[in-house]
Amino acid sequence: MQEPVTGAEPETQLQFQEARARLEMAVQQLPPKQKEVFTLSRDKGLKHEEIARALNISPATVNNHLVEALRQLRKKVGPYLNITYFLCCFFF
């Protein structure tokens, strides 16, 4: 996950930090395999096929774990955050 852009408004930086903290807490609460797959995908930048090889599972199983992890994260974090901050934490 990346830090907010330098020079952003203090309020924006604070919102980003709060969003990131909530998201990180929610990731820690994922079931172990979902957390592992999610972390390899989002933090390490591995592709589905690379994760599948590393964990000795099929790419379809990797996809299923990611879909479920994202569903759980949206469910846990979504009510508290603007979707923009949720997306920023993992895709920018």
N, C-alpha and C. Protein backbone atom coordinates (compact mmCIF):
# COMPACT_ATOMS: atom_id res chain seq x y z
N MET A 1 0.84 -1.17 0.00
CA MET A 1 0.00 0.00 0.00
C MET A 1 0.88 1.24 0.00
N GLN A 2 0.41 2.27 -0.65
CA GLN A 2 1.23 3.44 -0.82
C GLN A 2 0.77 4.57 0.09
N GLU A 3 1.69 5.48 0.31
CA GLU A 3 1.42 6.66 1.11
C GLU A 3 0.67 7.69 0.25
N PRO A 4 -0.06 8.60 0.91
CA PRO A 4 -0.74 9.64 0.15
C PRO A 4 0.28 10.53 -0.55
N VAL A 5 -0.18 11.21 -1.55
CA VAL A 5 0.68 12.09 -2.34
C VAL A 5 1.16 13.24 -1.47
N THR A 6 2.46 13.52 -1.55
CA THR A 6 3.04 14.64 -0.81
C THR A 6 2.39 15.93 -1.30
N GLY A 7 2.07 16.79 -0.36
CA GLY A 7 1.46 18.05 -0.71
C GLY A 7 -0.05 18.02 -0.68
N ALA A 8 -0.64 16.87 -0.38
CA ALA A 8 -2.10 16.78 -0.29
C ALA A 8 -2.56 17.58 0.93
N GLU A 9 -3.79 18.00 0.88
CA GLU A 9 -4.36 18.73 1.99
C GLU A 9 -4.28 17.89 3.27
N PRO A 10 -4.05 18.50 4.43
CA PRO A 10 -3.97 17.74 5.68
C PRO A 10 -5.21 16.89 5.94
N GLU A 11 -6.37 17.40 5.63
CA GLU A 11 -7.60 16.64 5.84
C GLU A 11 -7.62 15.39 4.95
N THR A 12 -7.16 15.54 3.72
CA THR A 12 -7.10 14.41 2.80
C THR A 12 -6.11 13.37 3.29
N GLN A 13 -4.95 13.81 3.78
CA GLN A 13 -3.97 12.89 4.31
C GLN A 13 -4.51 12.15 5.53
N LEU A 14 -5.21 12.85 6.40
CA LEU A 14 -5.80 12.21 7.57
C LEU A 14 -6.85 11.18 7.16
N GLN A 15 -7.70 11.52 6.20
CA GLN A 15 -8.70 10.57 5.72
C GLN A 15 -8.04 9.34 5.12
N PHE A 16 -6.97 9.55 4.37
CA PHE A 16 -6.24 8.44 3.78
C PHE A 16 -5.67 7.54 4.87
N GLN A 17 -5.06 8.13 5.89
CA GLN A 17 -4.47 7.36 6.98
C GLN A 17 -5.54 6.57 7.74
N GLU A 18 -6.69 7.19 7.99
CA GLU A 18 -7.78 6.49 8.67
C GLU A 18 -8.31 5.34 7.81
N ALA A 19 -8.46 5.60 6.52
CA ALA A 19 -8.93 4.55 5.61
C ALA A 19 -7.95 3.39 5.58
N ARG A 20 -6.70 3.71 5.50
CA ARG A 20 -5.67 2.68 5.45
C ARG A 20 -5.67 1.85 6.74
N ALA A 21 -5.79 2.49 7.88
CA ALA A 21 -5.80 1.77 9.16
C ALA A 21 -7.00 0.83 9.25
N ARG A 22 -8.16 1.31 8.85
CA ARG A 22 -9.35 0.44 8.88
C ARG A 22 -9.20 -0.73 7.92
N LEU A 23 -8.66 -0.46 6.77
CA LEU A 23 -8.49 -1.50 5.77
C LEU A 23 -7.47 -2.54 6.23
N GLU A 24 -6.37 -2.08 6.79
CA GLU A 24 -5.35 -3.01 7.30
C GLU A 24 -5.92 -3.89 8.42
N MET A 25 -6.74 -3.30 9.29
CA MET A 25 -7.37 -4.08 10.36
C MET A 25 -8.30 -5.13 9.76
N ALA A 26 -9.05 -4.75 8.76
CA ALA A 26 -9.98 -5.69 8.11
C ALA A 26 -9.21 -6.81 7.41
N VAL A 27 -8.08 -6.50 6.79
CA VAL A 27 -7.26 -7.52 6.13
C VAL A 27 -6.76 -8.52 7.17
N GLN A 28 -6.35 -8.03 8.32
CA GLN A 28 -5.86 -8.93 9.37
C GLN A 28 -6.94 -9.89 9.86
N GLN A 29 -8.20 -9.53 9.69
CA GLN A 29 -9.30 -10.37 10.16
C GLN A 29 -9.76 -11.40 9.11
N LEU A 30 -9.20 -11.34 7.92
CA LEU A 30 -9.58 -12.31 6.89
C LEU A 30 -9.13 -13.71 7.30
N PRO A 31 -9.82 -14.75 6.84
CA PRO A 31 -9.33 -16.11 7.06
C PRO A 31 -7.92 -16.25 6.50
N PRO A 32 -7.10 -17.12 7.08
CA PRO A 32 -5.69 -17.20 6.71
C PRO A 32 -5.40 -17.34 5.22
N LYS A 33 -6.08 -18.21 4.52
CA LYS A 33 -5.78 -18.41 3.09
C LYS A 33 -6.18 -17.19 2.28
N GLN A 34 -7.34 -16.58 2.59
CA GLN A 34 -7.75 -15.37 1.88
C GLN A 34 -6.74 -14.25 2.13
N LYS A 35 -6.32 -14.11 3.37
CA LYS A 35 -5.34 -13.08 3.72
C LYS A 35 -4.03 -13.30 2.97
N GLU A 36 -3.58 -14.54 2.90
CA GLU A 36 -2.33 -14.84 2.21
C GLU A 36 -2.42 -14.52 0.72
N VAL A 37 -3.50 -14.96 0.09
CA VAL A 37 -3.69 -14.71 -1.34
C VAL A 37 -3.84 -13.21 -1.59
N PHE A 38 -4.63 -12.54 -0.78
CA PHE A 38 -4.85 -11.11 -0.94
C PHE A 38 -3.52 -10.34 -0.80
N THR A 39 -2.74 -10.69 0.19
CA THR A 39 -1.46 -10.02 0.43
C THR A 39 -0.48 -10.26 -0.72
N LEU A 40 -0.42 -11.48 -1.19
CA LEU A 40 0.47 -11.77 -2.33
C LEU A 40 0.04 -10.99 -3.57
N SER A 41 -1.25 -10.84 -3.75
CA SER A 41 -1.76 -10.13 -4.91
C SER A 41 -1.57 -8.62 -4.78
N ARG A 42 -2.02 -8.06 -3.68
CA ARG A 42 -2.04 -6.60 -3.55
C ARG A 42 -0.72 -6.02 -3.06
N ASP A 43 -0.09 -6.64 -2.08
CA ASP A 43 1.15 -6.08 -1.54
C ASP A 43 2.37 -6.48 -2.35
N LYS A 44 2.40 -7.72 -2.80
CA LYS A 44 3.57 -8.21 -3.54
C LYS A 44 3.41 -8.07 -5.05
N GLY A 45 2.18 -7.84 -5.52
CA GLY A 45 1.94 -7.63 -6.94
C GLY A 45 2.02 -8.88 -7.79
N LEU A 46 1.85 -10.05 -7.17
CA LEU A 46 1.91 -11.29 -7.94
C LEU A 46 0.64 -11.50 -8.75
N LYS A 47 0.80 -12.14 -9.89
CA LYS A 47 -0.34 -12.50 -10.73
C LYS A 47 -0.98 -13.78 -10.20
N HIS A 48 -2.22 -14.03 -10.63
CA HIS A 48 -2.95 -15.21 -10.18
C HIS A 48 -2.13 -16.49 -10.38
N GLU A 49 -1.51 -16.61 -11.55
CA GLU A 49 -0.75 -17.82 -11.86
C GLU A 49 0.45 -17.97 -10.93
N GLU A 50 1.10 -16.86 -10.60
CA GLU A 50 2.26 -16.90 -9.70
C GLU A 50 1.84 -17.30 -8.28
N ILE A 51 0.73 -16.77 -7.85
CA ILE A 51 0.21 -17.12 -6.52
C ILE A 51 -0.17 -18.59 -6.49
N ALA A 52 -0.82 -19.04 -7.54
CA ALA A 52 -1.23 -20.45 -7.62
C ALA A 52 -0.03 -21.38 -7.50
N ARG A 53 1.03 -21.07 -8.22
CA ARG A 53 2.26 -21.89 -8.15
C ARG A 53 2.87 -21.84 -6.76
N ALA A 54 2.94 -20.65 -6.19
CA ALA A 54 3.56 -20.48 -4.87
C ALA A 54 2.81 -21.24 -3.77
N LEU A 55 1.48 -21.29 -3.90
CA LEU A 55 0.66 -21.92 -2.86
C LEU A 55 0.18 -23.32 -3.24
N ASN A 56 0.56 -23.76 -4.43
CA ASN A 56 0.16 -25.08 -4.92
C ASN A 56 -1.37 -25.23 -4.95
N ILE A 57 -2.01 -24.21 -5.51
CA ILE A 57 -3.46 -24.23 -5.72
C ILE A 57 -3.72 -23.78 -7.15
N SER A 58 -4.95 -23.96 -7.61
CA SER A 58 -5.26 -23.56 -8.98
C SER A 58 -5.49 -22.05 -9.08
N PRO A 59 -5.28 -21.47 -10.27
CA PRO A 59 -5.58 -20.05 -10.46
C PRO A 59 -7.05 -19.74 -10.16
N ALA A 60 -7.95 -20.68 -10.43
CA ALA A 60 -9.37 -20.45 -10.11
C ALA A 60 -9.57 -20.33 -8.61
N THR A 61 -8.84 -21.12 -7.85
CA THR A 61 -8.94 -21.03 -6.38
C THR A 61 -8.37 -19.71 -5.89
N VAL A 62 -7.29 -19.26 -6.51
CA VAL A 62 -6.74 -17.94 -6.19
C VAL A 62 -7.81 -16.88 -6.42
N ASN A 63 -8.44 -16.93 -7.58
CA ASN A 63 -9.48 -15.96 -7.90
C ASN A 63 -10.62 -16.02 -6.89
N ASN A 64 -11.04 -17.22 -6.51
CA ASN A 64 -12.13 -17.36 -5.53
C ASN A 64 -11.75 -16.73 -4.19
N HIS A 65 -10.51 -16.96 -3.75
CA HIS A 65 -10.05 -16.36 -2.49
C HIS A 65 -10.04 -14.84 -2.58
N LEU A 66 -9.58 -14.31 -3.71
CA LEU A 66 -9.55 -12.85 -3.87
C LEU A 66 -10.94 -12.25 -3.91
N VAL A 67 -11.83 -12.88 -4.64
CA VAL A 67 -13.22 -12.38 -4.72
C VAL A 67 -13.85 -12.35 -3.33
N GLU A 68 -13.66 -13.42 -2.59
CA GLU A 68 -14.25 -13.48 -1.25
C GLU A 68 -13.57 -12.49 -0.30
N ALA A 69 -12.27 -12.35 -0.41
CA ALA A 69 -11.57 -11.38 0.43
C ALA A 69 -12.08 -9.96 0.16
N LEU A 70 -12.21 -9.61 -1.11
CA LEU A 70 -12.73 -8.27 -1.45
C LEU A 70 -14.16 -8.08 -0.98
N ARG A 71 -14.96 -9.13 -1.07
CA ARG A 71 -16.35 -9.04 -0.58
C ARG A 71 -16.35 -8.78 0.92
N GLN A 72 -15.52 -9.50 1.64
CA GLN A 72 -15.44 -9.32 3.10
C GLN A 72 -14.93 -7.92 3.46
N LEU A 73 -13.93 -7.45 2.73
CA LEU A 73 -13.40 -6.13 3.01
C LEU A 73 -14.43 -5.04 2.74
N ARG A 74 -15.15 -5.18 1.63
CA ARG A 74 -16.21 -4.19 1.35
C ARG A 74 -17.25 -4.20 2.44
N LYS A 75 -17.60 -5.39 2.90
CA LYS A 75 -18.62 -5.54 3.94
C LYS A 75 -18.16 -4.90 5.26
N LYS A 76 -16.90 -5.12 5.62
CA LYS A 76 -16.39 -4.61 6.89
C LYS A 76 -16.02 -3.14 6.83
N VAL A 77 -15.46 -2.70 5.73
CA VAL A 77 -14.91 -1.36 5.64
C VAL A 77 -15.86 -0.39 4.95
N GLY A 78 -16.63 -0.88 4.01
CA GLY A 78 -17.50 -0.04 3.21
C GLY A 78 -18.38 0.93 3.97
N PRO A 79 -19.05 0.48 5.04
CA PRO A 79 -19.94 1.40 5.76
C PRO A 79 -19.22 2.59 6.40
N TYR A 80 -17.91 2.49 6.57
CA TYR A 80 -17.18 3.53 7.28
C TYR A 80 -16.41 4.48 6.39
N LEU A 81 -16.23 4.08 5.14
CA LEU A 81 -15.34 4.85 4.28
C LEU A 81 -15.98 5.23 2.96
N ASN A 82 -15.50 6.33 2.44
CA ASN A 82 -15.84 6.71 1.09
C ASN A 82 -15.14 5.70 0.17
N ILE A 83 -15.82 5.16 -0.80
CA ILE A 83 -15.27 4.15 -1.68
C ILE A 83 -13.99 4.62 -2.36
N THR A 84 -13.85 5.90 -2.57
CA THR A 84 -12.63 6.43 -3.19
C THR A 84 -11.41 6.08 -2.37
N TYR A 85 -11.51 6.23 -1.05
CA TYR A 85 -10.36 5.93 -0.20
C TYR A 85 -10.09 4.43 -0.17
N PHE A 86 -11.14 3.64 -0.20
CA PHE A 86 -10.98 2.19 -0.24
C PHE A 86 -10.18 1.80 -1.47
N LEU A 87 -10.55 2.34 -2.61
CA LEU A 87 -9.87 2.00 -3.85
C LEU A 87 -8.44 2.54 -3.87
N CYS A 88 -8.23 3.73 -3.35
CA CYS A 88 -6.89 4.32 -3.35
C CYS A 88 -5.89 3.47 -2.57
N CYS A 89 -6.34 2.85 -1.52
CA CYS A 89 -5.42 2.09 -0.68
C CYS A 89 -4.82 0.90 -1.42
N PHE A 90 -5.51 0.35 -2.41
CA PHE A 90 -5.00 -0.85 -3.05
C PHE A 90 -4.71 -0.72 -4.53
N PHE A 91 -5.17 0.33 -5.15
CA PHE A 91 -5.01 0.39 -6.59
C PHE A 91 -4.21 1.58 -7.08
N PHE A 92 -3.74 2.43 -6.20
CA PHE A 92 -2.95 3.60 -6.63
C PHE A 92 -1.69 3.70 -5.82
